[in-house]
C-alpha cells in the first residue's frame, strides 16, 4: 500500500509556472506507475500526465503537451509535475495517483490517490 501527499499548488498568473510534488510513503514506490489527474469545478476528473515505474514511458493529455512535464525520483519516493505556460483553463484540483498495472490514462486503473492540491491560474 502507498500513501500520497501532494504539494506545490497555489495561485499564479497566466503564463506562469508551478511545480507540483507528490510524496509517497512505502518501500515499493518504484514499482508503481504514477499519474497526475485534475478536476475543475463542475467537471469530471481528467487525466493529465503519467509516468511508468521505470521512467521510460510517459504520456500526456493533448491539452498539456509541450507545457507540462512529469518526472519521478524513485530514491526520494516523489513524482513531480512541472507546469509551464499556465492558462486559466488549467485551474483545478490536481491529484496524484499510483497504479500497479493497467492503462496509464485510465482513472479506474489507479488504486491509490492523494487528497489533491489546488492550482488557480488568473487571467
PDB file of N, CA and C in Angstrom:
ATOM      1  N   UNK A   1       0.845  -1.179   0.000  1.00  0.00           N
ATOM      2  CA  UNK A   1       0.000   0.000   0.000  1.00  0.00           C
ATOM      3  C   UNK A   1       0.889   1.241   0.000  1.00  0.00           C
ATOM      4  N   UNK A   2       0.376   2.310  -0.580  1.00  0.00           N
ATOM      5  CA  UNK A   2       1.139   3.544  -0.649  1.00  0.00           C
ATOM      6  C   UNK A   2       0.225   4.712  -0.305  1.00  0.00           C
ATOM      7  N   UNK A   3       0.758   5.671   0.413  1.00  0.00           N
ATOM      8  CA  UNK A   3       0.033   6.901   0.724  1.00  0.00           C
ATOM      9  C   UNK A   3       0.691   8.051  -0.016  1.00  0.00           C
ATOM     10  N   UNK A   4      -0.141   8.943  -0.537  1.00  0.00           N
ATOM     11  CA  UNK A   4       0.333  10.014  -1.410  1.00  0.00           C
ATOM     12  C   UNK A   4      -0.065  11.376  -0.854  1.00  0.00           C
ATOM     13  N   UNK A   5       0.878  12.319  -0.863  1.00  0.00           N
ATOM     14  CA  UNK A   5       0.613  13.673  -0.393  1.00  0.00           C
ATOM     15  C   UNK A   5       1.137  14.662  -1.421  1.00  0.00           C
ATOM     16  N   UNK A   6       0.220  15.453  -1.979  1.00  0.00           N
ATOM     17  CA  UNK A   6       0.591  16.450  -2.979  1.00  0.00           C
ATOM     18  C   UNK A   6       0.941  17.782  -2.310  1.00  0.00           C
ATOM     19  N   UNK A   7       1.774  18.550  -2.994  1.00  0.00           N
ATOM     20  CA  UNK A   7       2.106  19.902  -2.547  1.00  0.00           C
ATOM     21  C   UNK A   7       2.523  20.720  -3.763  1.00  0.00           C
ATOM     22  N   UNK A   8       2.610  22.029  -3.562  1.00  0.00           N
ATOM     23  CA  UNK A   8       3.111  22.905  -4.618  1.00  0.00           C
ATOM     24  C   UNK A   8       2.057  23.690  -5.357  1.00  0.00           C
ATOM     25  N   UNK A   9       0.794  23.465  -5.028  1.00  0.00           N
ATOM     26  CA  UNK A   9      -0.252  24.227  -5.683  1.00  0.00           C
ATOM     27  C   UNK A   9      -0.271  25.671  -5.206  1.00  0.00           C
ATOM     28  N   UNK A  10      -1.077  26.481  -5.878  1.00  0.00           N
ATOM     29  CA  UNK A  10      -1.182  27.875  -5.483  1.00  0.00           C
ATOM     30  C   UNK A  10      -1.830  28.709  -6.562  1.00  0.00           C
ATOM     31  N   UNK A  11      -1.700  30.016  -6.391  1.00  0.00           N
ATOM     32  CA  UNK A  11      -2.268  30.984  -7.332  1.00  0.00           C
ATOM     33  C   UNK A  11      -1.144  31.543  -8.190  1.00  0.00           C
ATOM     34  N   UNK A  12      -1.355  31.534  -9.498  1.00  0.00           N
ATOM     35  CA  UNK A  12      -0.334  32.025 -10.418  1.00  0.00           C
ATOM     36  C   UNK A  12      -1.031  32.742 -11.573  1.00  0.00           C
ATOM     37  N   UNK A  13      -0.351  33.712 -12.152  1.00  0.00           N
ATOM     38  CA  UNK A  13      -0.911  34.414 -13.304  1.00  0.00           C
ATOM     39  C   UNK A  13      -0.741  33.579 -14.572  1.00  0.00           C
ATOM     40  N   UNK A  14      -1.603  33.821 -15.520  1.00  0.00           N
ATOM     41  CA  UNK A  14      -1.487  33.144 -16.803  1.00  0.00           C
ATOM     42  C   UNK A  14      -0.095  33.366 -17.389  1.00  0.00           C
ATOM     43  N   UNK A  15       0.471  32.299 -17.931  1.00  0.00           N
ATOM     44  CA  UNK A  15       1.825  32.347 -18.455  1.00  0.00           C
ATOM     45  C   UNK A  15       2.887  31.940 -17.457  1.00  0.00           C
ATOM     46  N   UNK A  16       2.504  31.832 -16.210  1.00  0.00           N
ATOM     47  CA  UNK A  16       3.438  31.469 -15.160  1.00  0.00           C
ATOM     48  C   UNK A  16       3.657  29.971 -15.054  1.00  0.00           C
ATOM     49  N   UNK A  17       4.437  29.596 -14.031  1.00  0.00           N
ATOM     50  CA  UNK A  17       4.803  28.192 -13.836  1.00  0.00           C
ATOM     51  C   UNK A  17       4.592  27.775 -12.383  1.00  0.00           C
ATOM     52  N   UNK A  18       4.359  26.502 -12.211  1.00  0.00           N
ATOM     53  CA  UNK A  18       4.310  25.874 -10.894  1.00  0.00           C
ATOM     54  C   UNK A  18       4.898  24.479 -11.017  1.00  0.00           C
ATOM     55  N   UNK A  19       5.445  23.990  -9.923  1.00  0.00           N
ATOM     56  CA  UNK A  19       5.875  22.597  -9.885  1.00  0.00           C
ATOM     57  C   UNK A  19       5.155  21.896  -8.745  1.00  0.00           C
ATOM     58  N   UNK A  20       4.393  20.902  -9.086  1.00  0.00           N
ATOM     59  CA  UNK A  20       3.718  20.092  -8.087  1.00  0.00           C
ATOM     60  C   UNK A  20       4.602  18.909  -7.707  1.00  0.00           C
ATOM     61  N   UNK A  21       4.512  18.542  -6.439  1.00  0.00           N
ATOM     62  CA  UNK A  21       5.224  17.371  -5.945  1.00  0.00           C
ATOM     63  C   UNK A  21       4.226  16.413  -5.315  1.00  0.00           C
ATOM     64  N   UNK A  22       4.557  15.152  -5.378  1.00  0.00           N
ATOM     65  CA  UNK A  22       3.733  14.124  -4.748  1.00  0.00           C
ATOM     66  C   UNK A  22       4.673  13.175  -4.022  1.00  0.00           C
ATOM     67  N   UNK A  23       4.625  13.237  -2.702  1.00  0.00           N
ATOM     68  CA  UNK A  23       5.481  12.383  -1.888  1.00  0.00           C
ATOM     69  C   UNK A  23       4.733  11.110  -1.516  1.00  0.00           C
ATOM     70  N   UNK A  24       5.391  10.002  -1.704  1.00  0.00           N
ATOM     71  CA  UNK A  24       4.771   8.702  -1.454  1.00  0.00           C
ATOM     72  C   UNK A  24       5.442   7.996  -0.287  1.00  0.00           C
ATOM     73  N   UNK A  25       4.648   7.355   0.512  1.00  0.00           N
ATOM     74  CA  UNK A  25       5.179   6.507   1.570  1.00  0.00           C
ATOM     75  C   UNK A  25       5.204   5.070   1.067  1.00  0.00           C
ATOM     76  N   UNK A  26       5.996   4.246   1.704  1.00  0.00           N
ATOM     77  CA  UNK A  26       6.042   2.853   1.301  1.00  0.00           C
ATOM     78  C   UNK A  26       7.319   2.513   0.567  1.00  0.00           C
ATOM     79  N   UNK A  27       7.781   1.308   0.779  1.00  0.00           N
ATOM     80  CA  UNK A  27       9.058   0.896   0.224  1.00  0.00           C
ATOM     81  C   UNK A  27       8.977   0.439  -1.210  1.00  0.00           C
ATOM     82  N   UNK A  28       7.755   0.314  -1.742  1.00  0.00           N
ATOM     83  CA  UNK A  28       7.606  -0.219  -3.088  1.00  0.00           C
ATOM     84  C   UNK A  28       7.216   0.851  -4.101  1.00  0.00           C
ATOM     85  N   UNK A  29       7.503   2.104  -3.769  1.00  0.00           N
ATOM     86  CA  UNK A  29       7.132   3.207  -4.659  1.00  0.00           C
ATOM     87  C   UNK A  29       7.645   2.984  -6.067  1.00  0.00           C
ATOM     88  N   UNK A  30       8.853   2.499  -6.186  1.00  0.00           N
ATOM     89  CA  UNK A  30       9.469   2.352  -7.510  1.00  0.00           C
ATOM     90  C   UNK A  30       8.756   1.334  -8.393  1.00  0.00           C
ATOM     91  N   UNK A  31       7.873   0.546  -7.824  1.00  0.00           N
ATOM     92  CA  UNK A  31       7.160  -0.450  -8.620  1.00  0.00           C
ATOM     93  C   UNK A  31       5.815   0.047  -9.145  1.00  0.00           C
ATOM     94  N   UNK A  32       5.446   1.270  -8.769  1.00  0.00           N
ATOM     95  CA  UNK A  32       4.154   1.820  -9.165  1.00  0.00           C
ATOM     96  C   UNK A  32       4.300   2.761 -10.357  1.00  0.00           C
ATOM     97  N   UNK A  33       3.363   2.632 -11.275  1.00  0.00           N
ATOM     98  CA  UNK A  33       3.192   3.676 -12.266  1.00  0.00           C
ATOM     99  C   UNK A  33       2.479   4.840 -11.604  1.00  0.00           C
ATOM    100  N   UNK A  34       2.850   6.069 -11.959  1.00  0.00           N
ATOM    101  CA  UNK A  34       2.297   7.245 -11.312  1.00  0.00           C
ATOM    102  C   UNK A  34       1.612   8.145 -12.324  1.00  0.00           C
ATOM    103  N   UNK A  35       0.575   8.813 -11.866  1.00  0.00           N
ATOM    104  CA  UNK A  35      -0.146   9.707 -12.757  1.00  0.00           C
ATOM    105  C   UNK A  35      -0.607  10.958 -12.035  1.00  0.00           C
ATOM    106  N   UNK A  36      -0.853  11.984 -12.823  1.00  0.00           N
ATOM    107  CA  UNK A  36      -1.488  13.215 -12.338  1.00  0.00           C
ATOM    108  C   UNK A  36      -2.827  13.373 -13.055  1.00  0.00           C
ATOM    109  N   UNK A  37      -3.824  13.735 -12.271  1.00  0.00           N
ATOM    110  CA  UNK A  37      -5.151  13.998 -12.785  1.00  0.00           C
ATOM    111  C   UNK A  37      -5.612  15.343 -12.229  1.00  0.00           C
ATOM    112  N   UNK A  38      -6.666  15.896 -12.812  1.00  0.00           N
ATOM    113  CA  UNK A  38      -7.187  17.159 -12.302  1.00  0.00           C
ATOM    114  C   UNK A  38      -8.701  17.181 -12.422  1.00  0.00           C
ATOM    115  N   UNK A  39      -9.295  17.983 -11.547  1.00  0.00           N
ATOM    116  CA  UNK A  39     -10.745  18.130 -11.562  1.00  0.00           C
ATOM    117  C   UNK A  39     -11.090  19.590 -11.342  1.00  0.00           C
ATOM    118  N   UNK A  40     -11.713  20.173 -12.339  1.00  0.00           N
ATOM    119  CA  UNK A  40     -12.174  21.546 -12.254  1.00  0.00           C
ATOM    120  C   UNK A  40     -13.598  21.564 -11.702  1.00  0.00           C
ATOM    121  N   UNK A  41     -14.032  22.691 -11.144  1.00  0.00           N
ATOM    122  CA  UNK A  41     -15.386  22.772 -10.593  1.00  0.00           C
ATOM    123  C   UNK A  41     -16.441  22.417 -11.644  1.00  0.00           C
ATOM    124  N   UNK A  42     -17.342  21.527 -11.263  1.00  0.00           N
ATOM    125  CA  UNK A  42     -18.418  21.142 -12.155  1.00  0.00           C
ATOM    126  C   UNK A  42     -18.034  20.191 -13.261  1.00  0.00           C
ATOM    127  N   UNK A  43     -16.785  19.716 -13.251  1.00  0.00           N
ATOM    128  CA  UNK A  43     -16.320  18.813 -14.303  1.00  0.00           C
ATOM    129  C   UNK A  43     -15.848  17.494 -13.698  1.00  0.00           C
ATOM    130  N   UNK A  44     -15.761  16.490 -14.546  1.00  0.00           N
ATOM    131  CA  UNK A  44     -15.254  15.205 -14.085  1.00  0.00           C
ATOM    132  C   UNK A  44     -13.724  15.225 -14.029  1.00  0.00           C
ATOM    133  N   UNK A  45     -13.181  14.340 -13.234  1.00  0.00           N
ATOM    134  CA  UNK A  45     -11.733  14.242 -13.116  1.00  0.00           C
ATOM    135  C   UNK A  45     -11.153  13.754 -14.438  1.00  0.00           C
ATOM    136  N   UNK A  46     -10.039  14.357 -14.839  1.00  0.00           N
ATOM    137  CA  UNK A  46      -9.449  14.006 -16.126  1.00  0.00           C
ATOM    138  C   UNK A  46      -7.961  13.728 -16.008  1.00  0.00           C
ATOM    139  N   UNK A  47      -7.500  12.916 -16.925  1.00  0.00           N
ATOM    140  CA  UNK A  47      -6.083  12.575 -16.998  1.00  0.00           C
ATOM    141  C   UNK A  47      -5.261  13.778 -17.428  1.00  0.00           C
ATOM    142  N   UNK A  48      -4.083  13.924 -16.811  1.00  0.00           N
ATOM    143  CA  UNK A  48      -3.154  14.993 -17.175  1.00  0.00           C
ATOM    144  C   UNK A  48      -1.841  14.418 -17.702  1.00  0.00           C
ATOM    145  N   UNK A  49      -1.194  13.574 -16.904  1.00  0.00           N
ATOM    146  CA  UNK A  49       0.103  13.029 -17.290  1.00  0.00           C
ATOM    147  C   UNK A  49       0.376  11.768 -16.491  1.00  0.00           C
ATOM    148  N   UNK A  50       1.237  10.905 -17.032  1.00  0.00           N
ATOM    149  CA  UNK A  50       1.597   9.679 -16.336  1.00  0.00           C
ATOM    150  C   UNK A  50       3.014   9.282 -16.690  1.00  0.00           C
ATOM    151  N   UNK A  51       3.608   8.501 -15.794  1.00  0.00           N
ATOM    152  CA  UNK A  51       4.969   8.023 -15.991  1.00  0.00           C
ATOM    153  C   UNK A  51       5.054   6.593 -15.489  1.00  0.00           C
ATOM    154  N   UNK A  52       5.787   5.766 -16.213  1.00  0.00           N
ATOM    155  CA  UNK A  52       5.926   4.378 -15.808  1.00  0.00           C
ATOM    156  C   UNK A  52       6.879   4.252 -14.630  1.00  0.00           C
ATOM    157  N   UNK A  53       6.887   3.062 -14.007  1.00  0.00           N
ATOM    158  CA  UNK A  53       7.741   2.868 -12.839  1.00  0.00           C
ATOM    159  C   UNK A  53       9.213   3.036 -13.200  1.00  0.00           C
ATOM    160  N   UNK A  54       9.563   2.698 -14.440  1.00  0.00           N
ATOM    161  CA  UNK A  54      10.955   2.749 -14.876  1.00  0.00           C
ATOM    162  C   UNK A  54      11.358   4.102 -15.448  1.00  0.00           C
ATOM    163  N   UNK A  55      10.389   5.013 -15.547  1.00  0.00           N
ATOM    164  CA  UNK A  55      10.593   6.344 -16.141  1.00  0.00           C
ATOM    165  C   UNK A  55      10.816   6.300 -17.651  1.00  0.00           C
ATOM    166  N   UNK A  56      10.703   5.124 -18.242  1.00  0.00           N
ATOM    167  CA  UNK A  56      10.923   5.002 -19.684  1.00  0.00           C
ATOM    168  C   UNK A  56       9.754   5.594 -20.463  1.00  0.00           C
ATOM    169  N   UNK A  57       8.548   5.351 -19.970  1.00  0.00           N
ATOM    170  CA  UNK A  57       7.358   5.777 -20.701  1.00  0.00           C
ATOM    171  C   UNK A  57       6.651   6.917 -19.987  1.00  0.00           C
ATOM    172  N   UNK A  58       6.207   7.892 -20.769  1.00  0.00           N
ATOM    173  CA  UNK A  58       5.370   8.969 -20.253  1.00  0.00           C
ATOM    174  C   UNK A  58       4.208   9.183 -21.228  1.00  0.00           C
ATOM    175  N   UNK A  59       3.168   9.804 -20.723  1.00  0.00           N
ATOM    176  CA  UNK A  59       2.020  10.118 -21.564  1.00  0.00           C
ATOM    177  C   UNK A  59       1.388  11.397 -21.049  1.00  0.00           C
ATOM    178  N   UNK A  60       0.802  12.160 -21.957  1.00  0.00           N
ATOM    179  CA  UNK A  60       0.233  13.449 -21.599  1.00  0.00           C
ATOM    180  C   UNK A  60      -1.116  13.642 -22.298  1.00  0.00           C
ATOM    181  N   UNK A  61      -1.987  14.355 -21.639  1.00  0.00           N
ATOM    182  CA  UNK A  61      -3.211  14.808 -22.288  1.00  0.00           C
ATOM    183  C   UNK A  61      -2.839  15.822 -23.368  1.00  0.00           C
ATOM    184  N   UNK A  62      -3.592  15.830 -24.430  1.00  0.00           N
ATOM    185  CA  UNK A  62      -3.296  16.755 -25.528  1.00  0.00           C
ATOM    186  C   UNK A  62      -3.279  18.207 -25.055  1.00  0.00           C
ATOM    187  N   UNK A  63      -4.124  18.509 -24.088  1.00  0.00           N
ATOM    188  CA  UNK A  63      -4.258  19.885 -23.624  1.00  0.00           C
ATOM    189  C   UNK A  63      -3.023  20.398 -22.888  1.00  0.00           C
ATOM    190  N   UNK A  64      -2.141  19.509 -22.461  1.00  0.00           N
ATOM    191  CA  UNK A  64      -0.961  19.945 -21.704  1.00  0.00           C
ATOM    192  C   UNK A  64       0.354  19.603 -22.393  1.00  0.00           C
ATOM    193  N   UNK A  65       0.294  18.902 -23.492  1.00  0.00           N
ATOM    194  CA  UNK A  65       1.526  18.525 -24.193  1.00  0.00           C
ATOM    195  C   UNK A  65       2.335  19.764 -24.570  1.00  0.00           C
ATOM    196  N   UNK A  66       3.638  19.676 -24.314  1.00  0.00           N
ATOM    197  CA  UNK A  66       4.517  20.795 -24.610  1.00  0.00           C
ATOM    198  C   UNK A  66       4.582  21.838 -23.514  1.00  0.00           C
ATOM    199  N   UNK A  67       3.684  21.760 -22.532  1.00  0.00           N
ATOM    200  CA  UNK A  67       3.675  22.719 -21.423  1.00  0.00           C
ATOM    201  C   UNK A  67       3.991  22.054 -20.084  1.00  0.00           C
ATOM    202  N   UNK A  68       3.525  20.829 -19.897  1.00  0.00           N
ATOM    203  CA  UNK A  68       3.720  20.120 -18.635  1.00  0.00           C
ATOM    204  C   UNK A  68       4.742  19.002 -18.828  1.00  0.00           C
ATOM    205  N   UNK A  69       5.487  18.716 -17.763  1.00  0.00           N
ATOM    206  CA  UNK A  69       6.441  17.616 -17.777  1.00  0.00           C
ATOM    207  C   UNK A  69       6.328  16.824 -16.482  1.00  0.00           C
ATOM    208  N   UNK A  70       6.151  15.532 -16.611  1.00  0.00           N
ATOM    209  CA  UNK A  70       6.114  14.653 -15.442  1.00  0.00           C
ATOM    210  C   UNK A  70       7.464  13.985 -15.283  1.00  0.00           C
ATOM    211  N   UNK A  71       7.881  13.832 -14.034  1.00  0.00           N
ATOM    212  CA  UNK A  71       9.130  13.151 -13.744  1.00  0.00           C
ATOM    213  C   UNK A  71       9.011  12.490 -12.386  1.00  0.00           C
ATOM    214  N   UNK A  72       9.960  11.633 -12.063  1.00  0.00           N
ATOM    215  CA  UNK A  72       9.937  10.975 -10.766  1.00  0.00           C
ATOM    216  C   UNK A  72      11.352  10.729 -10.293  1.00  0.00           C
ATOM    217  N   UNK A  73      11.497  10.711  -8.978  1.00  0.00           N
ATOM    218  CA  UNK A  73      12.762  10.391  -8.338  1.00  0.00           C
ATOM    219  C   UNK A  73      12.477   9.233  -7.392  1.00  0.00           C
ATOM    220  N   UNK A  74      12.802   8.042  -7.818  1.00  0.00           N
ATOM    221  CA  UNK A  74      12.470   6.868  -7.006  1.00  0.00           C
ATOM    222  C   UNK A  74      13.265   6.832  -5.703  1.00  0.00           C
ATOM    223  N   UNK A  75      14.429   7.443  -5.683  1.00  0.00           N
ATOM    224  CA  UNK A  75      15.222   7.488  -4.453  1.00  0.00           C
ATOM    225  C   UNK A  75      14.545   8.364  -3.399  1.00  0.00           C
ATOM    226  N   UNK A  76      13.770   9.341  -3.860  1.00  0.00           N
ATOM    227  CA  UNK A  76      13.075  10.254  -2.943  1.00  0.00           C
ATOM    228  C   UNK A  76      11.594   9.919  -2.816  1.00  0.00           C
ATOM    229  N   UNK A  77      11.149   8.864  -3.468  1.00  0.00           N
ATOM    230  CA  UNK A  77       9.729   8.482  -3.428  1.00  0.00           C
ATOM    231  C   UNK A  77       8.831   9.651  -3.819  1.00  0.00           C
ATOM    232  N   UNK A  78       9.207  10.360  -4.856  1.00  0.00           N
ATOM    233  CA  UNK A  78       8.483  11.570  -5.235  1.00  0.00           C
ATOM    234  C   UNK A  78       8.280  11.618  -6.748  1.00  0.00           C
ATOM    235  N   UNK A  79       7.091  12.074  -7.119  1.00  0.00           N
ATOM    236  CA  UNK A  79       6.795  12.346  -8.521  1.00  0.00           C
ATOM    237  C   UNK A  79       6.468  13.829  -8.644  1.00  0.00           C
ATOM    238  N   UNK A  80       6.853  14.409  -9.765  1.00  0.00           N
ATOM    239  CA  UNK A  80       6.705  15.842  -9.976  1.00  0.00           C
ATOM    240  C   UNK A  80       5.870  16.125 -11.232  1.00  0.00           C
ATOM    241  N   UNK A  81       5.266  17.299 -11.224  1.00  0.00           N
ATOM    242  CA  UNK A  81       4.614  17.796 -12.426  1.00  0.00           C
ATOM    243  C   UNK A  81       5.035  19.247 -12.598  1.00  0.00           C
ATOM    244  N   UNK A  82       5.907  19.489 -13.568  1.00  0.00           N
ATOM    245  CA  UNK A  82       6.316  20.846 -13.892  1.00  0.00           C
ATOM    246  C   UNK A  82       5.321  21.418 -14.885  1.00  0.00           C
ATOM    247  N   UNK A  83       4.712  22.529 -14.507  1.00  0.00           N
ATOM    248  CA  UNK A  83       3.677  23.143 -15.327  1.00  0.00           C
ATOM    249  C   UNK A  83       4.137  24.528 -15.762  1.00  0.00           C
ATOM    250  N   UNK A  84       4.309  24.685 -17.060  1.00  0.00           N
ATOM    251  CA  UNK A  84       4.728  25.960 -17.630  1.00  0.00           C
ATOM    252  C   UNK A  84       3.622  26.531 -18.515  1.00  0.00           C
ATOM    253  N   UNK A  85       3.744  27.807 -18.813  1.00  0.00           N
ATOM    254  CA  UNK A  85       2.778  28.480 -19.694  1.00  0.00           C
ATOM    255  C   UNK A  85       1.339  28.196 -19.261  1.00  0.00           C
ATOM    256  N   UNK A  86       1.101  28.367 -17.990  1.00  0.00           N
ATOM    257  CA  UNK A  86      -0.213  28.034 -17.441  1.00  0.00           C
ATOM    258  C   UNK A  86      -1.300  28.933 -18.004  1.00  0.00           C
ATOM    259  N   UNK A  87      -2.477  28.334 -18.146  1.00  0.00           N
ATOM    260  CA  UNK A  87      -3.650  29.021 -18.681  1.00  0.00           C
ATOM    261  C   UNK A  87      -4.772  28.986 -17.648  1.00  0.00           C
ATOM    262  N   UNK A  88      -5.701  29.920 -17.726  1.00  0.00           N
ATOM    263  CA  UNK A  88      -6.835  29.881 -16.784  1.00  0.00           C
ATOM    264  C   UNK A  88      -7.575  28.545 -16.814  1.00  0.00           C
ATOM    265  N   UNK A  89      -7.633  27.910 -17.956  1.00  0.00           N
ATOM    266  CA  UNK A  89      -8.329  26.624 -18.042  1.00  0.00           C
ATOM    267  C   UNK A  89      -7.585  25.472 -17.368  1.00  0.00           C
ATOM    268  N   UNK A  90      -6.381  25.736 -16.890  1.00  0.00           N
ATOM    269  CA  UNK A  90      -5.650  24.735 -16.098  1.00  0.00           C
ATOM    270  C   UNK A  90      -6.070  24.765 -14.630  1.00  0.00           C
ATOM    271  N   UNK A  91      -6.903  25.723 -14.268  1.00  0.00           N
ATOM    272  CA  UNK A  91      -7.372  25.823 -12.888  1.00  0.00           C
ATOM    273  C   UNK A  91      -8.156  24.579 -12.498  1.00  0.00           C
ATOM    274  N   UNK A  92      -7.727  23.943 -11.415  1.00  0.00           N
ATOM    275  CA  UNK A  92      -8.350  22.694 -10.971  1.00  0.00           C
ATOM    276  C   UNK A  92      -7.667  22.232  -9.694  1.00  0.00           C
ATOM    277  N   UNK A  93      -8.251  21.223  -9.083  1.00  0.00           N
ATOM    278  CA  UNK A  93      -7.554  20.481  -8.044  1.00  0.00           C
ATOM    279  C   UNK A  93      -6.779  19.364  -8.734  1.00  0.00           C
ATOM    280  N   UNK A  94      -5.499  19.288  -8.433  1.00  0.00           N
ATOM    281  CA  UNK A  94      -4.623  18.305  -9.060  1.00  0.00           C
ATOM    282  C   UNK A  94      -4.346  17.169  -8.079  1.00  0.00           C
ATOM    283  N   UNK A  95      -4.515  15.957  -8.581  1.00  0.00           N
ATOM    284  CA  UNK A  95      -4.336  14.754  -7.774  1.00  0.00           C
ATOM    285  C   UNK A  95      -3.218  13.892  -8.362  1.00  0.00           C
ATOM    286  N   UNK A  96      -2.404  13.313  -7.496  1.00  0.00           N
ATOM    287  CA  UNK A  96      -1.515  12.273  -7.983  1.00  0.00           C
ATOM    288  C   UNK A  96      -2.095  10.925  -7.591  1.00  0.00           C
ATOM    289  N   UNK A  97      -1.722   9.913  -8.339  1.00  0.00           N
ATOM    290  CA  UNK A  97      -2.273   8.586  -8.148  1.00  0.00           C
ATOM    291  C   UNK A  97      -1.243   7.538  -8.516  1.00  0.00           C
ATOM    292  N   UNK A  98      -1.419   6.358  -7.966  1.00  0.00           N
ATOM    293  CA  UNK A  98      -0.486   5.260  -8.199  1.00  0.00           C
ATOM    294  C   UNK A  98      -1.240   4.021  -8.687  1.00  0.00           C
ATOM    295  N   UNK A  99      -0.603   3.278  -9.584  1.00  0.00           N
ATOM    296  CA  UNK A  99      -1.216   2.051 -10.092  1.00  0.00           C
ATOM    297  C   UNK A  99      -0.144   0.972 -10.215  1.00  0.00           C
ATOM    298  N   UNK A 100      -0.587  -0.252 -10.112  1.00  0.00           N
ATOM    299  CA  UNK A 100       0.322  -1.380 -10.275  1.00  0.00           C
ATOM    300  C   UNK A 100       0.321  -1.858 -11.713  1.00  0.00           C
ATOM    301  N   UNK A 101      -0.842  -1.853 -12.310  1.00  0.00           N
ATOM    302  CA  UNK A 101      -0.979  -2.370 -13.680  1.00  0.00           C
ATOM    303  C   UNK A 101      -2.066  -1.595 -14.387  1.00  0.00           C
ATOM    304  N   UNK A 102      -2.244  -1.886 -15.670  1.00  0.00           N
ATOM    305  CA  UNK A 102      -3.326  -1.268 -16.422  1.00  0.00           C
ATOM    306  C   UNK A 102      -2.853  -0.078 -17.230  1.00  0.00           C
ATOM    307  N   UNK A 103      -3.815   0.678 -17.715  1.00  0.00           N
ATOM    308  CA  UNK A 103      -3.541   1.796 -18.605  1.00  0.00           C
ATOM    309  C   UNK A 103      -3.008   3.009 -17.856  1.00  0.00           C
ATOM    310  N   UNK A 104      -2.114   3.726 -18.506  1.00  0.00           N
ATOM    311  CA  UNK A 104      -1.549   4.938 -17.887  1.00  0.00           C
ATOM    312  C   UNK A 104      -2.590   6.040 -17.793  1.00  0.00           C
ATOM    313  N   UNK A 105      -3.585   6.007 -18.674  1.00  0.00           N
ATOM    314  CA  UNK A 105      -4.516   7.127 -18.750  1.00  0.00           C
ATOM    315  C   UNK A 105      -5.878   6.877 -18.121  1.00  0.00           C
ATOM    316  N   UNK A 106      -6.159   5.628 -17.739  1.00  0.00           N
ATOM    317  CA  UNK A 106      -7.481   5.307 -17.220  1.00  0.00           C
ATOM    318  C   UNK A 106      -7.575   5.543 -15.716  1.00  0.00           C
ATOM    319  N   UNK A 107      -8.475   6.404 -15.315  1.00  0.00           N
ATOM    320  CA  UNK A 107      -8.632   6.714 -13.887  1.00  0.00           C
ATOM    321  C   UNK A 107      -8.914   5.447 -13.093  1.00  0.00           C
ATOM    322  N   UNK A 108      -9.718   4.566 -13.632  1.00  0.00           N
ATOM    323  CA  UNK A 108     -10.142   3.367 -12.901  1.00  0.00           C
ATOM    324  C   UNK A 108      -9.005   2.389 -12.635  1.00  0.00           C
ATOM    325  N   UNK A 109      -7.890   2.549 -13.339  1.00  0.00           N
ATOM    326  CA  UNK A 109      -6.751   1.648 -13.134  1.00  0.00           C
ATOM    327  C   UNK A 109      -5.837   2.107 -11.994  1.00  0.00           C
ATOM    328  N   UNK A 110      -6.087   3.256 -11.459  1.00  0.00           N
ATOM    329  CA  UNK A 110      -5.263   3.774 -10.364  1.00  0.00           C
ATOM    330  C   UNK A 110      -5.883   3.390  -9.026  1.00  0.00           C
ATOM    331  N   UNK A 111      -5.069   2.798  -8.166  1.00  0.00           N
ATOM    332  CA  UNK A 111      -5.562   2.265  -6.902  1.00  0.00           C
ATOM    333  C   UNK A 111      -5.450   3.241  -5.742  1.00  0.00           C
ATOM    334  N   UNK A 112      -4.439   4.085  -5.767  1.00  0.00           N
ATOM    335  CA  UNK A 112      -4.163   4.961  -4.626  1.00  0.00           C
ATOM    336  C   UNK A 112      -4.167   6.416  -5.087  1.00  0.00           C
ATOM    337  N   UNK A 113      -4.749   7.258  -4.238  1.00  0.00           N
ATOM    338  CA  UNK A 113      -4.919   8.671  -4.582  1.00  0.00           C
ATOM    339  C   UNK A 113      -4.508   9.562  -3.432  1.00  0.00           C
ATOM    340  N   UNK A 114      -3.946  10.718  -3.787  1.00  0.00           N
ATOM    341  CA  UNK A 114      -3.718  11.743  -2.789  1.00  0.00           C
ATOM    342  C   UNK A 114      -4.970  12.571  -2.595  1.00  0.00           C
ATOM    343  N   UNK A 115      -4.884  13.555  -1.720  1.00  0.00           N
ATOM    344  CA  UNK A 115      -6.045  14.386  -1.405  1.00  0.00           C
ATOM    345  C   UNK A 115      -6.167  15.596  -2.322  1.00  0.00           C
ATOM    346  N   UNK A 116      -5.139  15.869  -3.086  1.00  0.00           N
ATOM    347  CA  UNK A 116      -5.215  16.935  -4.074  1.00  0.00           C
ATOM    348  C   UNK A 116      -4.615  18.248  -3.605  1.00  0.00           C
ATOM    349  N   UNK A 117      -4.209  19.046  -4.583  1.00  0.00           N
ATOM    350  CA  UNK A 117      -3.697  20.384  -4.315  1.00  0.00           C
ATOM    351  C   UNK A 117      -4.308  21.339  -5.335  1.00  0.00           C
ATOM    352  N   UNK A 118      -4.732  22.504  -4.846  1.00  0.00           N
ATOM    353  CA  UNK A 118      -5.443  23.453  -5.699  1.00  0.00           C
ATOM    354  C   UNK A 118      -4.455  24.270  -6.531  1.00  0.00           C
ATOM    355  N   UNK A 119      -4.735  24.353  -7.816  1.00  0.00           N
ATOM    356  CA  UNK A 119      -3.998  25.231  -8.719  1.00  0.00           C
ATOM    357  C   UNK A 119      -4.990  26.221  -9.315  1.00  0.00           C
ATOM    358  N   UNK A 120      -4.704  27.505  -9.145  1.00  0.00           N
ATOM    359  CA  UNK A 120      -5.567  28.547  -9.680  1.00  0.00           C
ATOM    360  C   UNK A 120      -4.741  29.460 -10.576  1.00  0.00           C
ATOM    361  N   UNK A 121      -5.186  29.608 -11.818  1.00  0.00           N
ATOM    362  CA  UNK A 121      -4.478  30.439 -12.782  1.00  0.00           C
ATOM    363  C   UNK A 121      -5.363  31.638 -13.110  1.00  0.00           C
ATOM    364  N   UNK A 122      -4.874  32.813 -12.801  1.00  0.00           N
ATOM    365  CA  UNK A 122      -5.658  34.029 -13.061  1.00  0.00           C
ATOM    366  C   UNK A 122      -5.317  34.600 -14.433  1.00  0.00           C
ATOM    367  N   UNK A 123      -6.300  35.221 -15.037  1.00  0.00           N
ATOM    368  CA  UNK A 123      -6.097  35.792 -16.383  1.00  0.00           C
ATOM    369  C   UNK A 123      -5.603  37.223 -16.310  1.00  0.00           C
TER     370      UNK A 123
END
